Every structure is written in C-alpha cells, then in structure tokens.
Amino acid sequence: TKDNTFLPFYERQVKYYMAMSGAKKGYLLLMSFDFSRYTVIEYSISDDERQKILDEINERARTILKAKQLQIEPPQEKGAWCGMCRWRHSCFNVKLK
C-alpha cells in the first residue's frame, strides 16, 4: 500500500473529512480491483493538526474562488492521475513528465 501513488491524495481526503466533521479518528480502506486483497489504515489527528488542515482547506477554496471570479485557470496541482490524462502533454500549457 505504501507504494500506491494515489495514497497521499487518499490520505489528504480522509484527513479533510476528519477535520471538517470533527472526528478524532478516520479509516482508509484500500482494496484491489478484484477485491482479493485489502488494507485498512487508521488515522488520527490532533486539535492543532485539525486547525492546520482546516486552514489548508480554506486557502485552497479561496484560491479556486479567486480563479473563478477572475475567469482564469486555477493553479496546477500535479497528481497521480496526470499520467493517465489525455491532456497530460498540454495541461495548463505545461508539458508534464
């Protein structure tokens, strides 16, 4: 599971949900496509970490809203899906590797 290129994005999503809901613990279930293997990862966040995550969520939301208001593309966030995207060579007029 640690070699899963999507894991950082899944972890961020779980922690966002935890921070927004006030949950102290969260769980991530990773399963193989054929359901033959699975792993459960438990996460916990402190009150300080929760506040940092909420600040990050707010900052990302402000950035997207500002881009929308200015009618411009939001800043690029390269992720694990980029290599599979049909626009990976022209995204934001930047060639991705």
Protein backbone atom coordinates (compact mmCIF):
# COMPACT_ATOMS: atom_id res chain seq x y z
CA THR A 1 0.00 0.00 0.00
CA LYS A 2 2.84 2.42 0.70
CA ASP A 3 3.86 2.19 -2.97
CA ASN A 4 0.36 3.28 -4.08
CA THR A 5 0.88 6.55 -5.99
CA PHE A 6 -2.60 7.70 -5.01
CA LEU A 7 -2.07 7.19 -1.26
CA PRO A 8 -1.08 10.82 -0.48
CA PHE A 9 -4.29 12.04 -2.14
CA TYR A 10 -6.43 9.45 -0.34
CA GLU A 11 -4.79 10.40 2.97
CA ARG A 12 -5.44 14.08 2.36
CA GLN A 13 -9.09 13.34 1.57
CA VAL A 14 -9.56 11.28 4.76
CA LYS A 15 -7.92 13.99 6.87
CA TYR A 16 -10.07 16.69 5.22
CA TYR A 17 -13.21 14.73 6.12
CA MET A 18 -11.92 14.20 9.65
CA ALA A 19 -11.12 17.88 10.13
CA MET A 20 -14.47 19.07 8.75
CA SER A 21 -16.53 16.55 10.74
CA GLY A 22 -14.58 16.90 13.98
CA ALA A 23 -13.65 13.20 14.01
CA LYS A 24 -10.60 12.25 16.03
CA LYS A 25 -10.04 9.03 14.05
CA GLY A 26 -10.54 8.08 10.44
CA TYR A 27 -10.04 4.96 8.36
CA LEU A 28 -8.93 4.36 4.81
CA LEU A 29 -9.84 1.09 3.15
CA LEU A 30 -7.68 0.20 0.14
CA MET A 31 -8.86 -2.74 -1.95
CA SER A 32 -7.52 -4.49 -5.01
CA PHE A 33 -9.65 -4.25 -8.16
CA ASP A 34 -10.75 -7.87 -7.81
CA PHE A 35 -11.41 -7.49 -4.04
CA SER A 36 -8.94 -10.28 -3.26
CA ARG A 37 -6.73 -8.07 -1.06
CA TYR A 38 -7.39 -5.14 1.19
CA THR A 39 -5.70 -2.97 3.79
CA VAL A 40 -7.22 -0.73 6.44
CA ILE A 41 -5.17 2.26 7.58
CA GLU A 42 -6.18 4.16 10.71
CA TYR A 43 -5.51 7.90 11.03
CA SER A 44 -5.80 10.23 13.98
CA ILE A 45 -5.32 13.99 14.09
CA SER A 46 -4.67 16.35 16.98
CA ASP A 47 -6.55 19.60 17.52
CA ASP A 48 -3.52 21.53 16.21
CA GLU A 49 -3.33 19.37 13.09
CA ARG A 50 -7.09 19.75 12.59
CA GLN A 51 -6.72 23.53 12.57
CA LYS A 52 -3.84 23.37 10.07
CA ILE A 53 -5.93 21.14 7.80
CA LEU A 54 -8.92 23.48 8.04
CA ASP A 55 -6.65 26.42 7.19
CA GLU A 56 -5.36 24.50 4.15
CA ILE A 57 -8.93 23.71 3.02
CA ASN A 58 -9.89 27.37 3.34
CA GLU A 59 -6.81 28.55 1.45
CA ARG A 60 -7.42 26.09 -1.41
CA ALA A 61 -11.08 27.18 -1.57
CA ARG A 62 -10.10 30.87 -1.66
CA THR A 63 -7.64 30.16 -4.49
CA ILE A 64 -10.27 28.37 -6.55
CA LEU A 65 -12.92 31.03 -5.92
CA LYS A 66 -10.48 33.79 -6.88
CA ALA A 67 -9.62 31.98 -10.13
CA LYS A 68 -13.33 31.58 -10.84
CA GLN A 69 -14.01 35.26 -10.20
CA LEU A 70 -11.11 36.28 -12.46
CA GLN A 71 -12.17 33.66 -15.01
CA ILE A 72 -8.71 32.13 -15.12
CA GLU A 73 -7.42 28.60 -14.64
CA PRO A 74 -6.64 27.74 -11.01
CA PRO A 75 -3.04 26.83 -10.19
CA GLN A 76 -1.94 23.45 -11.46
CA GLU A 77 -1.89 20.59 -8.97
CA LYS A 78 0.03 17.73 -10.48
CA GLY A 79 -1.19 14.41 -9.16
CA ALA A 80 -1.10 10.68 -9.65
CA TRP A 81 -3.84 10.81 -12.31
CA CYS A 82 -1.86 13.18 -14.55
CA GLY A 83 -0.01 10.35 -16.29
CA MET A 84 -3.33 8.84 -17.38
CA CYS A 85 -4.98 12.02 -18.57
CA ARG A 86 -5.44 12.61 -22.29
CA TRP A 87 -4.36 16.27 -21.82
CA ARG A 88 -1.19 15.44 -19.88
CA HIS A 89 1.02 16.92 -22.60
CA SER A 90 -0.83 20.19 -22.85
CA CYS A 91 -2.34 20.76 -19.39
CA PHE A 92 -2.14 24.44 -18.49
CA ASN A 93 0.18 24.79 -21.49
CA VAL A 94 2.84 22.99 -19.46
CA LYS A 95 4.32 19.72 -20.61
CA LEU A 96 4.04 17.20 -17.78
CA LYS A 97 6.50 14.37 -17.43
